């Protein structure tokens, strides 16, 4: 028996195209494929989500996301965008 018969993985997308993230199917796929750590979930809940002021959209605060290439910044932003949109 070969490993390929036991385990399967979806191909890893090297670059997230944020332009496509507004399409409902693509937004859903991006949310489903994001792997969120407990620390990131806490950070989103405590720091990012409170900045999304839906009642006063003209006074929203900015959030600065920093990370090395390939660490998931765009994927994270697509997840935040999908959650905020829905």
C-alpha atoms as a PDB file:
ATOM      1  CA  UNK A   1       0.000   0.000   0.000  1.00  0.00           C
ATOM      2  CA  UNK A   2       1.267   3.485  -0.858  1.00  0.00           C
ATOM      3  CA  UNK A   3       1.003   6.611   1.305  1.00  0.00           C
ATOM      4  CA  UNK A   4      -1.009   8.293  -1.445  1.00  0.00           C
ATOM      5  CA  UNK A   5      -3.695   5.633  -0.985  1.00  0.00           C
ATOM      6  CA  UNK A   6      -3.946   6.349   2.755  1.00  0.00           C
ATOM      7  CA  UNK A   7      -3.675  10.126   2.904  1.00  0.00           C
ATOM      8  CA  UNK A   8      -4.946  12.858   0.631  1.00  0.00           C
ATOM      9  CA  UNK A   9      -4.390  16.597   0.735  1.00  0.00           C
ATOM     10  CA  UNK A  10      -5.884  19.456  -1.195  1.00  0.00           C
ATOM     11  CA  UNK A  11      -3.211  21.352  -3.090  1.00  0.00           C
ATOM     12  CA  UNK A  12      -1.841  24.354  -1.207  1.00  0.00           C
ATOM     13  CA  UNK A  13      -2.590  27.662  -2.884  1.00  0.00           C
ATOM     14  CA  UNK A  14       0.570  29.744  -2.755  1.00  0.00           C
ATOM     15  CA  UNK A  15      -1.091  33.135  -3.296  1.00  0.00           C
ATOM     16  CA  UNK A  16      -4.570  34.221  -2.190  1.00  0.00           C
ATOM     17  CA  UNK A  17      -6.240  36.514  -4.702  1.00  0.00           C
ATOM     18  CA  UNK A  18      -8.257  38.977  -2.629  1.00  0.00           C
ATOM     19  CA  UNK A  19     -10.051  40.215  -5.756  1.00  0.00           C
ATOM     20  CA  UNK A  20     -11.857  36.864  -5.926  1.00  0.00           C
ATOM     21  CA  UNK A  21     -12.712  36.875  -2.199  1.00  0.00           C
ATOM     22  CA  UNK A  22     -15.963  38.857  -2.748  1.00  0.00           C
ATOM     23  CA  UNK A  23     -17.498  35.981  -4.680  1.00  0.00           C
ATOM     24  CA  UNK A  24     -19.650  33.996  -2.211  1.00  0.00           C
ATOM     25  CA  UNK A  25     -18.300  30.560  -3.174  1.00  0.00           C
ATOM     26  CA  UNK A  26     -14.688  31.740  -3.014  1.00  0.00           C
ATOM     27  CA  UNK A  27     -15.260  33.511   0.324  1.00  0.00           C
ATOM     28  CA  UNK A  28     -16.759  30.317   1.747  1.00  0.00           C
ATOM     29  CA  UNK A  29     -13.819  28.262   0.473  1.00  0.00           C
ATOM     30  CA  UNK A  30     -11.309  30.693   1.984  1.00  0.00           C
ATOM     31  CA  UNK A  31     -13.055  30.613   5.375  1.00  0.00           C
ATOM     32  CA  UNK A  32     -13.259  26.806   5.338  1.00  0.00           C
ATOM     33  CA  UNK A  33      -9.584  26.378   4.458  1.00  0.00           C
ATOM     34  CA  UNK A  34      -8.171  28.844   7.006  1.00  0.00           C
ATOM     35  CA  UNK A  35      -6.465  27.034   9.888  1.00  0.00           C
ATOM     36  CA  UNK A  36      -6.965  29.174  12.980  1.00  0.00           C
ATOM     37  CA  UNK A  37      -4.923  28.747  16.147  1.00  0.00           C
ATOM     38  CA  UNK A  38      -6.428  29.396  19.569  1.00  0.00           C
ATOM     39  CA  UNK A  39      -4.202  32.472  19.885  1.00  0.00           C
ATOM     40  CA  UNK A  40      -5.426  33.895  16.557  1.00  0.00           C
ATOM     41  CA  UNK A  41      -9.066  33.224  17.508  1.00  0.00           C
ATOM     42  CA  UNK A  42      -8.545  35.130  20.766  1.00  0.00           C
ATOM     43  CA  UNK A  43      -6.799  37.999  18.965  1.00  0.00           C
ATOM     44  CA  UNK A  44      -9.624  38.272  16.434  1.00  0.00           C
ATOM     45  CA  UNK A  45     -12.268  38.176  19.153  1.00  0.00           C
ATOM     46  CA  UNK A  46     -10.535  40.649  21.459  1.00  0.00           C
ATOM     47  CA  UNK A  47      -8.882  43.086  19.036  1.00  0.00           C
ATOM     48  CA  UNK A  48     -10.076  42.841  15.444  1.00  0.00           C
ATOM     49  CA  UNK A  49     -13.834  42.199  15.649  1.00  0.00           C
ATOM     50  CA  UNK A  50     -14.421  45.123  18.066  1.00  0.00           C
ATOM     51  CA  UNK A  51     -12.816  47.427  15.462  1.00  0.00           C
ATOM     52  CA  UNK A  52     -15.529  46.522  12.943  1.00  0.00           C
ATOM     53  CA  UNK A  53     -18.016  49.232  13.826  1.00  0.00           C
ATOM     54  CA  UNK A  54     -21.085  48.481  11.753  1.00  0.00           C
ATOM     55  CA  UNK A  55     -23.188  51.234  13.351  1.00  0.00           C
ATOM     56  CA  UNK A  56     -20.634  53.969  12.614  1.00  0.00           C
ATOM     57  CA  UNK A  57     -18.828  52.782   9.461  1.00  0.00           C
ATOM     58  CA  UNK A  58     -17.249  56.173   8.717  1.00  0.00           C
ATOM     59  CA  UNK A  59     -15.255  56.023  11.967  1.00  0.00           C
ATOM     60  CA  UNK A  60     -13.705  52.546  11.656  1.00  0.00           C
ATOM     61  CA  UNK A  61     -10.203  52.025  12.970  1.00  0.00           C
ATOM     62  CA  UNK A  62      -7.437  50.462  10.937  1.00  0.00           C
ATOM     63  CA  UNK A  63      -5.798  47.153  11.753  1.00  0.00           C
ATOM     64  CA  UNK A  64      -2.176  46.637  10.734  1.00  0.00           C
ATOM     65  CA  UNK A  65      -1.292  43.014  10.011  1.00  0.00           C
ATOM     66  CA  UNK A  66       2.407  42.192   9.780  1.00  0.00           C
ATOM     67  CA  UNK A  67       4.057  38.922   8.850  1.00  0.00           C
ATOM     68  CA  UNK A  68       6.623  37.338   6.589  1.00  0.00           C
ATOM     69  CA  UNK A  69       5.834  36.232   3.056  1.00  0.00           C
ATOM     70  CA  UNK A  70       3.678  33.116   3.027  1.00  0.00           C
ATOM     71  CA  UNK A  71       2.441  33.366   6.615  1.00  0.00           C
ATOM     72  CA  UNK A  72      -1.248  33.778   5.742  1.00  0.00           C
ATOM     73  CA  UNK A  73      -1.838  37.534   5.977  1.00  0.00           C
ATOM     74  CA  UNK A  74      -3.985  37.667   2.829  1.00  0.00           C
ATOM     75  CA  UNK A  75      -5.829  34.504   3.796  1.00  0.00           C
ATOM     76  CA  UNK A  76      -6.563  36.007   7.221  1.00  0.00           C
ATOM     77  CA  UNK A  77      -7.795  39.250   5.640  1.00  0.00           C
ATOM     78  CA  UNK A  78     -10.093  37.282   3.328  1.00  0.00           C
ATOM     79  CA  UNK A  79     -11.568  35.497   6.368  1.00  0.00           C
ATOM     80  CA  UNK A  80     -12.088  38.790   8.233  1.00  0.00           C
ATOM     81  CA  UNK A  81     -13.670  40.278   5.108  1.00  0.00           C
ATOM     82  CA  UNK A  82     -16.035  37.322   4.675  1.00  0.00           C
ATOM     83  CA  UNK A  83     -17.093  37.417   8.329  1.00  0.00           C
ATOM     84  CA  UNK A  84     -17.608  41.193   8.253  1.00  0.00           C
ATOM     85  CA  UNK A  85     -19.585  40.989   5.005  1.00  0.00           C
ATOM     86  CA  UNK A  86     -21.891  38.286   6.313  1.00  0.00           C
END
